[in-house]
Amino acid sequence: MAWYGSADYQAILPLRLNNSDGDVILIDGVSEDHKSTDILDAMV
């Protein structure tokens, strides 16, 4: 978040925005021991 909001990145961001279409997200990864069923606990 700090990178994306930084003055240095915001200064060059229009160069991409004016010359492409796209979607950008920030997302957290999972721990090294993550199992697919771990998501069930969060859902329940």
PDB file of all heavy atoms in Angstrom:
ATOM      1  N   MET A   1       0.831  -1.208   0.000  1.00  0.00           N
ATOM      2  CA  MET A   1       0.000   0.000   0.000  1.00  0.00           C
ATOM      3  C   MET A   1       0.867   1.259   0.000  1.00  0.00           C
ATOM      4  O   MET A   1       0.550   2.234  -0.689  1.00  0.00           O
ATOM      5  CB  MET A   1      -0.932   0.004   1.216  1.00  0.00           C
ATOM      6  CG  MET A   1      -2.020  -1.036   1.188  1.00  0.00           C
ATOM      7  SD  MET A   1      -3.296  -0.700  -0.036  1.00  0.00           S
ATOM      8  CE  MET A   1      -3.982   0.816   0.601  1.00  0.00           C
ATOM      9  N   ALA A   2       1.946   1.226   0.770  1.00  0.00           N
ATOM     10  CA  ALA A   2       2.844   2.381   0.824  1.00  0.00           C
ATOM     11  C   ALA A   2       3.480   2.633  -0.537  1.00  0.00           C
ATOM     12  O   ALA A   2       3.615   3.777  -0.973  1.00  0.00           O
ATOM     13  CB  ALA A   2       3.907   2.175   1.899  1.00  0.00           C
ATOM     14  N   TRP A   3       3.876   1.559  -1.234  1.00  0.00           N
ATOM     15  CA  TRP A   3       4.435   1.705  -2.592  1.00  0.00           C
ATOM     16  C   TRP A   3       3.403   2.330  -3.516  1.00  0.00           C
ATOM     17  O   TRP A   3       3.689   3.307  -4.193  1.00  0.00           O
ATOM     18  CB  TRP A   3       4.895   0.350  -3.148  1.00  0.00           C
ATOM     19  CG  TRP A   3       5.045   0.391  -4.635  1.00  0.00           C
ATOM     20  CD1 TRP A   3       6.043   1.002  -5.352  1.00  0.00           C
ATOM     21  CD2 TRP A   3       4.156  -0.174  -5.603  1.00  0.00           C
ATOM     22  NE1 TRP A   3       5.812   0.852  -6.701  1.00  0.00           N
ATOM     23  CE2 TRP A   3       4.657   0.134  -6.875  1.00  0.00           C
ATOM     24  CE3 TRP A   3       2.971  -0.909  -5.505  1.00  0.00           C
ATOM     25  CZ2 TRP A   3       4.024  -0.272  -8.045  1.00  0.00           C
ATOM     26  CZ3 TRP A   3       2.346  -1.312  -6.671  1.00  0.00           C
ATOM     27  CH2 TRP A   3       2.873  -0.986  -7.925  1.00  0.00           C
ATOM     28  N   TYR A   4       2.198   1.757  -3.551  1.00  0.00           N
ATOM     29  CA  TYR A   4       1.190   2.237  -4.494  1.00  0.00           C
ATOM     30  C   TYR A   4       0.839   3.703  -4.227  1.00  0.00           C
ATOM     31  O   TYR A   4       0.637   4.474  -5.164  1.00  0.00           O
ATOM     32  CB  TYR A   4      -0.071   1.371  -4.432  1.00  0.00           C
ATOM     33  CG  TYR A   4      -1.023   1.698  -5.553  1.00  0.00           C
ATOM     34  CD1 TYR A   4      -0.863   1.132  -6.811  1.00  0.00           C
ATOM     35  CD2 TYR A   4      -2.065   2.598  -5.366  1.00  0.00           C
ATOM     36  CE1 TYR A   4      -1.719   1.437  -7.855  1.00  0.00           C
ATOM     37  CE2 TYR A   4      -2.936   2.919  -6.409  1.00  0.00           C
ATOM     38  CZ  TYR A   4      -2.754   2.336  -7.644  1.00  0.00           C
ATOM     39  OH  TYR A   4      -3.598   2.655  -8.686  1.00  0.00           O
ATOM     40  N   GLY A   5       0.793   4.093  -2.981  1.00  0.00           N
ATOM     41  CA  GLY A   5       0.453   5.464  -2.640  1.00  0.00           C
ATOM     42  C   GLY A   5       1.627   6.427  -2.622  1.00  0.00           C
ATOM     43  O   GLY A   5       1.440   7.631  -2.422  1.00  0.00           O
ATOM     44  N   SER A   6       2.835   5.916  -2.853  1.00  0.00           N
ATOM     45  CA  SER A   6       4.025   6.769  -2.776  1.00  0.00           C
ATOM     46  C   SER A   6       4.012   7.842  -3.867  1.00  0.00           C
ATOM     47  O   SER A   6       3.479   7.656  -4.961  1.00  0.00           O
ATOM     48  CB  SER A   6       5.301   5.931  -2.897  1.00  0.00           C
ATOM     49  OG  SER A   6       5.454   5.436  -4.220  1.00  0.00           O
ATOM     50  N   ALA A   7       4.620   8.969  -3.554  1.00  0.00           N
ATOM     51  CA  ALA A   7       4.722  10.061  -4.527  1.00  0.00           C
ATOM     52  C   ALA A   7       5.462   9.608  -5.776  1.00  0.00           C
ATOM     53  O   ALA A   7       5.079   9.982  -6.899  1.00  0.00           O
ATOM     54  CB  ALA A   7       5.420  11.259  -3.891  1.00  0.00           C
ATOM     55  N   ASP A   8       6.501   8.789  -5.611  1.00  0.00           N
ATOM     56  CA  ASP A   8       7.271   8.335  -6.774  1.00  0.00           C
ATOM     57  C   ASP A   8       6.424   7.478  -7.705  1.00  0.00           C
ATOM     58  O   ASP A   8       6.482   7.637  -8.931  1.00  0.00           O
ATOM     59  CB  ASP A   8       8.509   7.544  -6.335  1.00  0.00           C
ATOM     60  CG  ASP A   8       9.578   8.438  -5.723  1.00  0.00           C
ATOM     61  OD1 ASP A   8       9.563   9.659  -5.976  1.00  0.00           O
ATOM     62  OD2 ASP A   8      10.426   7.901  -4.990  1.00  0.00           O
ATOM     63  N   TYR A   9       5.626   6.539  -7.142  1.00  0.00           N
ATOM     64  CA  TYR A   9       4.805   5.704  -8.017  1.00  0.00           C
ATOM     65  C   TYR A   9       3.639   6.506  -8.596  1.00  0.00           C
ATOM     66  O   TYR A   9       3.325   6.388  -9.777  1.00  0.00           O
ATOM     67  CB  TYR A   9       4.292   4.447  -7.318  1.00  0.00           C
ATOM     68  CG  TYR A   9       3.566   3.569  -8.308  1.00  0.00           C
ATOM     69  CD1 TYR A   9       4.269   2.968  -9.355  1.00  0.00           C
ATOM     70  CD2 TYR A   9       2.197   3.392  -8.253  1.00  0.00           C
ATOM     71  CE1 TYR A   9       3.615   2.217 -10.315  1.00  0.00           C
ATOM     72  CE2 TYR A   9       1.533   2.635  -9.195  1.00  0.00           C
ATOM     73  CZ  TYR A   9       2.251   2.051 -10.225  1.00  0.00           C
ATOM     74  OH  TYR A   9       1.598   1.312 -11.193  1.00  0.00           O
ATOM     75  N   GLN A  10       3.013   7.326  -7.786  1.00  0.00           N
ATOM     76  CA  GLN A  10       1.891   8.124  -8.283  1.00  0.00           C
ATOM     77  C   GLN A  10       2.321   9.052  -9.414  1.00  0.00           C
ATOM     78  O   GLN A  10       1.538   9.352 -10.313  1.00  0.00           O
ATOM     79  CB  GLN A  10       1.244   8.913  -7.140  1.00  0.00           C
ATOM     80  CG  GLN A  10       0.480   8.037  -6.160  1.00  0.00           C
ATOM     81  CD  GLN A  10      -0.692   7.323  -6.807  1.00  0.00           C
ATOM     82  OE1 GLN A  10      -1.536   7.945  -7.444  1.00  0.00           O
ATOM     83  NE2 GLN A  10      -0.747   6.000  -6.659  1.00  0.00           N
ATOM     84  N   ALA A  11       3.589   9.472  -9.404  1.00  0.00           N
ATOM     85  CA  ALA A  11       4.095  10.343 -10.466  1.00  0.00           C
ATOM     86  C   ALA A  11       4.167   9.634 -11.810  1.00  0.00           C
ATOM     87  O   ALA A  11       3.974  10.255 -12.857  1.00  0.00           O
ATOM     88  CB  ALA A  11       5.474  10.900 -10.087  1.00  0.00           C
ATOM     89  N   ILE A  12       4.425   8.316 -11.804  1.00  0.00           N
ATOM     90  CA  ILE A  12       4.526   7.589 -13.084  1.00  0.00           C
ATOM     91  C   ILE A  12       3.251   6.837 -13.437  1.00  0.00           C
ATOM     92  O   ILE A  12       3.075   6.427 -14.581  1.00  0.00           O
ATOM     93  CB  ILE A  12       5.739   6.635 -13.121  1.00  0.00           C
ATOM     94  CG1 ILE A  12       5.579   5.459 -12.173  1.00  0.00           C
ATOM     95  CG2 ILE A  12       7.033   7.398 -12.877  1.00  0.00           C
ATOM     96  CD1 ILE A  12       6.596   4.344 -12.362  1.00  0.00           C
ATOM     97  N   LEU A  13       2.349   6.663 -12.496  1.00  0.00           N
ATOM     98  CA  LEU A  13       1.122   5.903 -12.735  1.00  0.00           C
ATOM     99  C   LEU A  13       0.326   6.393 -13.939  1.00  0.00           C
ATOM    100  O   LEU A  13      -0.154   5.571 -14.730  1.00  0.00           O
ATOM    101  CB  LEU A  13       0.261   5.889 -11.471  1.00  0.00           C
ATOM    102  CG  LEU A  13      -1.056   5.118 -11.535  1.00  0.00           C
ATOM    103  CD1 LEU A  13      -0.833   3.659 -11.935  1.00  0.00           C
ATOM    104  CD2 LEU A  13      -1.782   5.220 -10.204  1.00  0.00           C
ATOM    105  N   PRO A  14       0.176   7.692 -14.166  1.00  0.00           N
ATOM    106  CA  PRO A  14      -0.576   8.131 -15.347  1.00  0.00           C
ATOM    107  C   PRO A  14       0.004   7.629 -16.672  1.00  0.00           C
ATOM    108  O   PRO A  14      -0.737   7.456 -17.648  1.00  0.00           O
ATOM    109  CB  PRO A  14      -0.511   9.663 -15.271  1.00  0.00           C
ATOM    110  CG  PRO A  14      -0.328   9.949 -13.818  1.00  0.00           C
ATOM    111  CD  PRO A  14       0.539   8.825 -13.304  1.00  0.00           C
ATOM    112  N   LEU A  15       1.298   7.364 -16.708  1.00  0.00           N
ATOM    113  CA  LEU A  15       1.907   6.832 -17.932  1.00  0.00           C
ATOM    114  C   LEU A  15       1.287   5.484 -18.298  1.00  0.00           C
ATOM    115  O   LEU A  15       1.093   5.182 -19.474  1.00  0.00           O
ATOM    116  CB  LEU A  15       3.418   6.693 -17.768  1.00  0.00           C
ATOM    117  CG  LEU A  15       4.195   7.978 -17.475  1.00  0.00           C
ATOM    118  CD1 LEU A  15       5.652   7.657 -17.184  1.00  0.00           C
ATOM    119  CD2 LEU A  15       4.051   8.968 -18.612  1.00  0.00           C
ATOM    120  N   ARG A  16       0.989   4.660 -17.285  1.00  0.00           N
ATOM    121  CA  ARG A  16       0.334   3.367 -17.539  1.00  0.00           C
ATOM    122  C   ARG A  16      -1.156   3.549 -17.741  1.00  0.00           C
ATOM    123  O   ARG A  16      -1.736   3.000 -18.681  1.00  0.00           O
ATOM    124  CB  ARG A  16       0.592   2.376 -16.404  1.00  0.00           C
ATOM    125  CG  ARG A  16      -0.102   1.037 -16.658  1.00  0.00           C
ATOM    126  CD  ARG A  16       0.170   0.020 -15.582  1.00  0.00           C
ATOM    127  NE  ARG A  16      -0.237   0.406 -14.256  1.00  0.00           N
ATOM    128  CZ  ARG A  16      -1.504   0.432 -13.805  1.00  0.00           C
ATOM    129  NH1 ARG A  16      -2.510   0.125 -14.593  1.00  0.00           N
ATOM    130  NH2 ARG A  16      -1.753   0.768 -12.558  1.00  0.00           N
ATOM    131  N   LEU A  17      -1.786   4.331 -16.880  1.00  0.00           N
ATOM    132  CA  LEU A  17      -3.236   4.498 -16.969  1.00  0.00           C
ATOM    133  C   LEU A  17      -3.678   5.090 -18.306  1.00  0.00           C
ATOM    134  O   LEU A  17      -4.727   4.718 -18.822  1.00  0.00           O
ATOM    135  CB  LEU A  17      -3.737   5.380 -15.826  1.00  0.00           C
ATOM    136  CG  LEU A  17      -3.626   4.793 -14.422  1.00  0.00           C
ATOM    137  CD1 LEU A  17      -4.046   5.827 -13.388  1.00  0.00           C
ATOM    138  CD2 LEU A  17      -4.432   3.514 -14.301  1.00  0.00           C
ATOM    139  N   ASN A  18      -2.882   5.990 -18.849  1.00  0.00           N
ATOM    140  CA  ASN A  18      -3.237   6.623 -20.118  1.00  0.00           C
ATOM    141  C   ASN A  18      -2.930   5.760 -21.337  1.00  0.00           C
ATOM    142  O   ASN A  18      -3.291   6.143 -22.452  1.00  0.00           O
ATOM    143  CB  ASN A  18      -2.508   7.964 -20.260  1.00  0.00           C
ATOM    144  CG  ASN A  18      -2.968   8.981 -19.247  1.00  0.00           C
ATOM    145  OD1 ASN A  18      -4.093   8.917 -18.743  1.00  0.00           O
ATOM    146  ND2 ASN A  18      -2.101   9.921 -18.913  1.00  0.00           N
ATOM    147  N   ASN A  19      -2.287   4.611 -21.126  1.00  0.00           N
ATOM    148  CA  ASN A  19      -1.846   3.794 -22.255  1.00  0.00           C
ATOM    149  C   ASN A  19      -2.205   2.325 -22.119  1.00  0.00           C
ATOM    150  O   ASN A  19      -1.620   1.478 -22.803  1.00  0.00           O
ATOM    151  CB  ASN A  19      -0.330   3.950 -22.441  1.00  0.00           C
ATOM    152  CG  ASN A  19       0.015   5.342 -22.893  1.00  0.00           C
ATOM    153  OD1 ASN A  19      -0.135   5.672 -24.054  1.00  0.00           O
ATOM    154  ND2 ASN A  19       0.450   6.189 -21.968  1.00  0.00           N
ATOM    155  N   SER A  20      -3.146   2.005 -21.241  1.00  0.00           N
ATOM    156  CA  SER A  20      -3.584   0.618 -21.084  1.00  0.00           C
ATOM    157  C   SER A  20      -4.916   0.584 -20.358  1.00  0.00           C
ATOM    158  O   SER A  20      -5.316   1.555 -19.722  1.00  0.00           O
ATOM    159  CB  SER A  20      -2.548  -0.204 -20.306  1.00  0.00           C
ATOM    160  OG  SER A  20      -2.454   0.245 -18.968  1.00  0.00           O
ATOM    161  N   ASP A  21      -5.585  -0.540 -20.485  1.00  0.00           N
ATOM    162  CA  ASP A  21      -6.771  -0.830 -19.691  1.00  0.00           C
ATOM    163  C   ASP A  21      -6.370  -1.931 -18.729  1.00  0.00           C
ATOM    164  O   ASP A  21      -5.514  -2.753 -19.059  1.00  0.00           O
ATOM    165  CB  ASP A  21      -7.915  -1.346 -20.569  1.00  0.00           C
ATOM    166  CG  ASP A  21      -8.335  -0.340 -21.622  1.00  0.00           C
ATOM    167  OD1 ASP A  21      -8.427   0.854 -21.289  1.00  0.00           O
ATOM    168  OD2 ASP A  21      -8.562  -0.751 -22.767  1.00  0.00           O
ATOM    169  N   GLY A  22      -6.989  -1.985 -17.585  1.00  0.00           N
ATOM    170  CA  GLY A  22      -6.646  -3.080 -16.702  1.00  0.00           C
ATOM    171  C   GLY A  22      -7.291  -2.995 -15.342  1.00  0.00           C
ATOM    172  O   GLY A  22      -7.990  -2.042 -15.015  1.00  0.00           O
ATOM    173  N   ASP A  23      -7.035  -4.033 -14.588  1.00  0.00           N
ATOM    174  CA  ASP A  23      -7.506  -4.163 -13.222  1.00  0.00           C
ATOM    175  C   ASP A  23      -6.287  -4.425 -12.352  1.00  0.00           C
ATOM    176  O   ASP A  23      -5.394  -5.187 -12.736  1.00  0.00           O
ATOM    177  CB  ASP A  23      -8.479  -5.341 -13.105  1.00  0.00           C
ATOM    178  CG  ASP A  23      -9.626  -5.218 -14.091  1.00  0.00           C
ATOM    179  OD1 ASP A  23     -10.381  -4.242 -13.978  1.00  0.00           O
ATOM    180  OD2 ASP A  23      -9.745  -6.080 -14.973  1.00  0.00           O
ATOM    181  N   VAL A  24      -6.248  -3.800 -11.185  1.00  0.00           N
ATOM    182  CA  VAL A  24      -5.129  -3.961 -10.266  1.00  0.00           C
ATOM    183  C   VAL A  24      -5.697  -4.218  -8.879  1.00  0.00           C
ATOM    184  O   VAL A  24      -6.620  -3.534  -8.440  1.00  0.00           O
ATOM    185  CB  VAL A  24      -4.228  -2.709 -10.250  1.00  0.00           C
ATOM    186  CG1 VAL A  24      -3.105  -2.865  -9.231  1.00  0.00           C
ATOM    187  CG2 VAL A  24      -3.660  -2.438 -11.635  1.00  0.00           C
ATOM    188  N   ILE A  25      -5.142  -5.220  -8.199  1.00  0.00           N
ATOM    189  CA  ILE A  25      -5.557  -5.541  -6.841  1.00  0.00           C
ATOM    190  C   ILE A  25      -4.328  -5.744  -5.966  1.00  0.00           C
ATOM    191  O   ILE A  25      -3.236  -6.019  -6.465  1.00  0.00           O
ATOM    192  CB  ILE A  25      -6.442  -6.809  -6.774  1.00  0.00           C
ATOM    193  CG1 ILE A  25      -5.657  -8.047  -7.249  1.00  0.00           C
ATOM    194  CG2 ILE A  25      -7.716  -6.631  -7.576  1.00  0.00           C
ATOM    195  CD1 ILE A  25      -6.354  -9.368  -6.956  1.00  0.00           C
ATOM    196  N   LEU A  26      -4.534  -5.613  -4.662  1.00  0.00           N
ATOM    197  CA  LEU A  26      -3.553  -6.052  -3.668  1.00  0.00           C
ATOM    198  C   LEU A  26      -4.193  -7.207  -2.934  1.00  0.00           C
ATOM    199  O   LEU A  26      -5.368  -7.136  -2.560  1.00  0.00           O
ATOM    200  CB  LEU A  26      -3.221  -4.939  -2.676  1.00  0.00           C
ATOM    201  CG  LEU A  26      -2.480  -3.740  -3.224  1.00  0.00           C
ATOM    202  CD1 LEU A  26      -2.252  -2.721  -2.104  1.00  0.00           C
ATOM    203  CD2 LEU A  26      -1.169  -4.131  -3.855  1.00  0.00           C
ATOM    204  N   ILE A  27      -3.421  -8.265  -2.716  1.00  0.00           N
ATOM    205  CA  ILE A  27      -3.959  -9.442  -2.043  1.00  0.00           C
ATOM    206  C   ILE A  27      -2.878 -10.086  -1.198  1.00  0.00           C
ATOM    207  O   ILE A  27      -1.707 -10.111  -1.579  1.00  0.00           O
ATOM    208  CB  ILE A  27      -4.566 -10.439  -3.064  1.00  0.00           C
ATOM    209  CG1 ILE A  27      -5.388 -11.502  -2.370  1.00  0.00           C
ATOM    210  CG2 ILE A  27      -3.494 -11.014  -3.967  1.00  0.00           C
ATOM    211  CD1 ILE A  27      -6.374 -12.195  -3.274  1.00  0.00           C
ATOM    212  N   ASP A  28      -3.286 -10.574  -0.032  1.00  0.00           N
ATOM    213  CA  ASP A  28      -2.345 -11.258   0.844  1.00  0.00           C
ATOM    214  C   ASP A  28      -2.134 -12.688   0.385  1.00  0.00           C
ATOM    215  O   ASP A  28      -3.059 -13.333  -0.121  1.00  0.00           O
ATOM    216  CB  ASP A  28      -2.870 -11.282   2.281  1.00  0.00           C
ATOM    217  CG  ASP A  28      -2.926  -9.895   2.898  1.00  0.00           C
ATOM    218  OD1 ASP A  28      -2.037  -9.068   2.591  1.00  0.00           O
ATOM    219  OD2 ASP A  28      -3.851  -9.633   3.686  1.00  0.00           O
ATOM    220  N   GLY A  29      -0.918 -13.166   0.580  1.00  0.00           N
ATOM    221  CA  GLY A  29      -0.615 -14.561   0.314  1.00  0.00           C
ATOM    222  C   GLY A  29      -1.048 -15.422   1.491  1.00  0.00           C
ATOM    223  O   GLY A  29      -1.718 -14.953   2.416  1.00  0.00           O
ATOM    224  N   VAL A  30      -0.676 -16.668   1.453  1.00  0.00           N
ATOM    225  CA  VAL A  30      -0.986 -17.608   2.532  1.00  0.00           C
ATOM    226  C   VAL A  30       0.325 -18.105   3.132  1.00  0.00           C
ATOM    227  O   VAL A  30       1.386 -17.983   2.532  1.00  0.00           O
ATOM    228  CB  VAL A  30      -1.840 -18.806   2.023  1.00  0.00           C
ATOM    229  CG1 VAL A  30      -3.192 -18.322   1.533  1.00  0.00           C
ATOM    230  CG2 VAL A  30      -1.122 -19.575   0.928  1.00  0.00           C
ATOM    231  N   SER A  31       0.234 -18.698   4.309  1.00  0.00           N
ATOM    232  CA  SER A  31       1.424 -19.230   4.963  1.00  0.00           C
ATOM    233  C   SER A  31       1.924 -20.457   4.202  1.00  0.00           C
ATOM    234  O   SER A  31       1.194 -21.072   3.422  1.00  0.00           O
ATOM    235  CB  SER A  31       1.103 -19.603   6.413  1.00  0.00           C
ATOM    236  OG  SER A  31       0.155 -20.653   6.444  1.00  0.00           O
ATOM    237  N   GLU A  32       3.176 -20.796   4.456  1.00  0.00           N
ATOM    238  CA  GLU A  32       3.769 -21.940   3.761  1.00  0.00           C
ATOM    239  C   GLU A  32       3.066 -23.252   4.085  1.00  0.00           C
ATOM    240  O   GLU A  32       3.089 -24.181   3.285  1.00  0.00           O
ATOM    241  CB  GLU A  32       5.257 -22.042   4.091  1.00  0.00           C
ATOM    242  CG  GLU A  32       6.074 -20.960   3.430  1.00  0.00           C
ATOM    243  CD  GLU A  32       7.557 -21.173   3.614  1.00  0.00           C
ATOM    244  OE1 GLU A  32       7.998 -22.339   3.762  1.00  0.00           O
ATOM    245  OE2 GLU A  32       8.288 -20.173   3.602  1.00  0.00           O
ATOM    246  N   ASP A  33       2.455 -23.345   5.245  1.00  0.00           N
ATOM    247  CA  ASP A  33       1.784 -24.590   5.634  1.00  0.00           C
ATOM    248  C   ASP A  33       0.280 -24.567   5.324  1.00  0.00           C
ATOM    249  O   ASP A  33      -0.469 -25.430   5.771  1.00  0.00           O
ATOM    250  CB  ASP A  33       2.026 -24.894   7.113  1.00  0.00           C
ATOM    251  CG  ASP A  33       1.456 -23.827   8.042  1.00  0.00           C
ATOM    252  OD1 ASP A  33       1.144 -22.710   7.567  1.00  0.00           O
ATOM    253  OD2 ASP A  33       1.321 -24.106   9.246  1.00  0.00           O
ATOM    254  N   HIS A  34      -0.161 -23.606   4.528  1.00  0.00           N
ATOM    255  CA  HIS A  34      -1.589 -23.479   4.191  1.00  0.00           C
ATOM    256  C   HIS A  34      -2.083 -24.719   3.437  1.00  0.00           C
ATOM    257  O   HIS A  34      -1.416 -25.238   2.553  1.00  0.00           O
ATOM    258  CB  HIS A  34      -1.801 -22.235   3.312  1.00  0.00           C
ATOM    259  CG  HIS A  34      -3.220 -22.055   2.894  1.00  0.00           C
ATOM    260  ND1 HIS A  34      -4.153 -21.426   3.679  1.00  0.00           N
ATOM    261  CD2 HIS A  34      -3.873 -22.442   1.768  1.00  0.00           C
ATOM    262  CE1 HIS A  34      -5.317 -21.414   3.050  1.00  0.00           C
ATOM    263  NE2 HIS A  34      -5.173 -22.020   1.886  1.00  0.00           N
ATOM    264  N   LYS A  35      -3.260 -25.154   3.807  1.00  0.00           N
ATOM    265  CA  LYS A  35      -3.955 -26.261   3.125  1.00  0.00           C
ATOM    266  C   LYS A  35      -5.255 -25.714   2.563  1.00  0.00           C
ATOM    267  O   LYS A  35      -5.838 -24.772   3.113  1.00  0.00           O
ATOM    268  CB  LYS A  35      -4.263 -27.411   4.101  1.00  0.00           C
ATOM    269  CG  LYS A  35      -3.052 -27.967   4.806  1.00  0.00           C
ATOM    270  CD  LYS A  35      -2.235 -28.807   3.861  1.00  0.00           C
ATOM    271  CE  LYS A  35      -1.105 -29.486   4.598  1.00  0.00           C
ATOM    272  NZ  LYS A  35       0.202 -29.008   4.298  1.00  0.00           N
ATOM    273  N   SER A  36      -5.743 -26.307   1.517  1.00  0.00           N
ATOM    274  CA  SER A  36      -6.963 -25.798   0.892  1.00  0.00           C
ATOM    275  C   SER A  36      -8.139 -25.766   1.860  1.00  0.00           C
ATOM    276  O   SER A  36      -8.986 -24.874   1.808  1.00  0.00           O
ATOM    277  CB  SER A  36      -7.317 -26.616  -0.353  1.00  0.00           C
ATOM    278  OG  SER A  36      -7.590 -27.959   0.001  1.00  0.00           O
ATOM    279  N   THR A  37      -8.193 -26.711   2.782  1.00  0.00           N
ATOM    280  CA  THR A  37      -9.310 -26.763   3.727  1.00  0.00           C
ATOM    281  C   THR A  37      -9.264 -25.650   4.773  1.00  0.00           C
ATOM    282  O   THR A  37     -10.266 -25.404   5.447  1.00  0.00           O
ATOM    283  CB  THR A  37      -9.362 -28.135   4.424  1.00  0.00           C
ATOM    284  OG1 THR A  37      -8.075 -28.403   5.006  1.00  0.00           O
ATOM    285  CG2 THR A  37      -9.739 -29.231   3.443  1.00  0.00           C
ATOM    286  N   ASP A  38      -8.127 -24.953   4.904  1.00  0.00           N
ATOM    287  CA  ASP A  38      -8.039 -23.843   5.853  1.00  0.00           C
ATOM    288  C   ASP A  38      -9.077 -22.771   5.543  1.00  0.00           C
ATOM    289  O   ASP A  38      -9.566 -22.102   6.441  1.00  0.00           O
ATOM    290  CB  ASP A  38      -6.643 -23.220   5.850  1.00  0.00           C
ATOM    291  CG  ASP A  38      -5.579 -24.157   6.393  1.00  0.00           C
ATOM    292  OD1 ASP A  38      -5.940 -25.184   7.017  1.00  0.00           O
ATOM    293  OD2 ASP A  38      -4.384 -23.861   6.187  1.00  0.00           O
ATOM    294  N   ILE A  39      -9.420 -22.622   4.298  1.00  0.00           N
ATOM    295  CA  ILE A  39     -10.400 -21.603   3.909  1.00  0.00           C
ATOM    296  C   ILE A  39     -11.789 -21.934   4.453  1.00  0.00           C
ATOM    297  O   ILE A  39     -12.599 -21.037   4.677  1.00  0.00           O
ATOM    298  CB  ILE A  39     -10.413 -21.409   2.372  1.00  0.00           C
ATOM    299  CG1 ILE A  39     -11.116 -20.105   1.996  1.00  0.00           C
ATOM    300  CG2 ILE A  39     -11.071 -22.558   1.663  1.00  0.00           C
ATOM    301  CD1 ILE A  39     -10.340 -18.870   2.303  1.00  0.00           C
ATOM    302  N   LEU A  40     -12.054 -23.203   4.695  1.00  0.00           N
ATOM    303  CA  LEU A  40     -13.361 -23.596   5.220  1.00  0.00           C
ATOM    304  C   LEU A  40     -13.595 -23.016   6.605  1.00  0.00           C
ATOM    305  O   LEU A  40     -14.713 -22.588   6.921  1.00  0.00           O
ATOM    306  CB  LEU A  40     -13.499 -25.115   5.244  1.00  0.00           C
ATOM    307  CG  LEU A  40     -13.485 -25.800   3.877  1.00  0.00           C
ATOM    308  CD1 LEU A  40     -13.502 -27.306   4.043  1.00  0.00           C
ATOM    309  CD2 LEU A  40     -14.624 -25.316   3.010  1.00  0.00           C
ATOM    310  N   ASP A  41     -12.563 -22.991   7.433  1.00  0.00           N
ATOM    311  CA  ASP A  41     -12.693 -22.410   8.772  1.00  0.00           C
ATOM    312  C   ASP A  41     -13.097 -20.939   8.673  1.00  0.00           C
ATOM    313  O   ASP A  41     -13.955 -20.475   9.416  1.00  0.00           O
ATOM    314  CB  ASP A  41     -11.397 -22.538   9.561  1.00  0.00           C
ATOM    315  CG  ASP A  41     -11.060 -23.986   9.884  1.00  0.00           C
ATOM    316  OD1 ASP A  41     -11.998 -24.808   9.971  1.00  0.00           O
ATOM    317  OD2 ASP A  41      -9.860 -24.277  10.067  1.00  0.00           O
ATOM    318  N   ALA A  42     -12.479 -20.214   7.761  1.00  0.00           N
ATOM    319  CA  ALA A  42     -12.802 -18.794   7.585  1.00  0.00           C
ATOM    320  C   ALA A  42     -14.223 -18.629   7.071  1.00  0.00           C
ATOM    321  O   ALA A  42     -14.918 -17.701   7.472  1.00  0.00           O
ATOM    322  CB  ALA A  42     -11.803 -18.142   6.646  1.00  0.00           C
ATOM    323  N   MET A  43     -14.653 -19.524   6.183  1.00  0.00           N
ATOM    324  CA  MET A  43     -15.989 -19.412   5.609  1.00  0.00           C
ATOM    325  C   MET A  43     -17.067 -19.718   6.651  1.00  0.00           C
ATOM    326  O   MET A  43     -18.101 -19.070   6.695  1.00  0.00           O
ATOM    327  CB  MET A  43     -16.132 -20.363   4.412  1.00  0.00           C
ATOM    328  CG  MET A  43     -15.229 -19.977   3.252  1.00  0.00           C
ATOM    329  SD  MET A  43     -15.165 -21.268   2.008  1.00  0.00           S
ATOM    330  CE  MET A  43     -16.661 -20.900   1.101  1.00  0.00           C
ATOM    331  N   VAL A  44     -16.807 -20.699   7.503  1.00  0.00           N
ATOM    332  CA  VAL A  44     -17.788 -21.113   8.508  1.00  0.00           C
ATOM    333  C   VAL A  44     -17.920 -20.046   9.594  1.00  0.00           C
ATOM    334  O   VAL A  44     -19.016 -19.810  10.098  1.00  0.00           O
ATOM    335  CB  VAL A  44     -17.392 -22.475   9.113  1.00  0.00           C
ATOM    336  CG1 VAL A  44     -18.259 -22.830  10.309  1.00  0.00           C
ATOM    337  CG2 VAL A  44     -17.492 -23.562   8.042  1.00  0.00           C
TER     338      VAL A  44
END
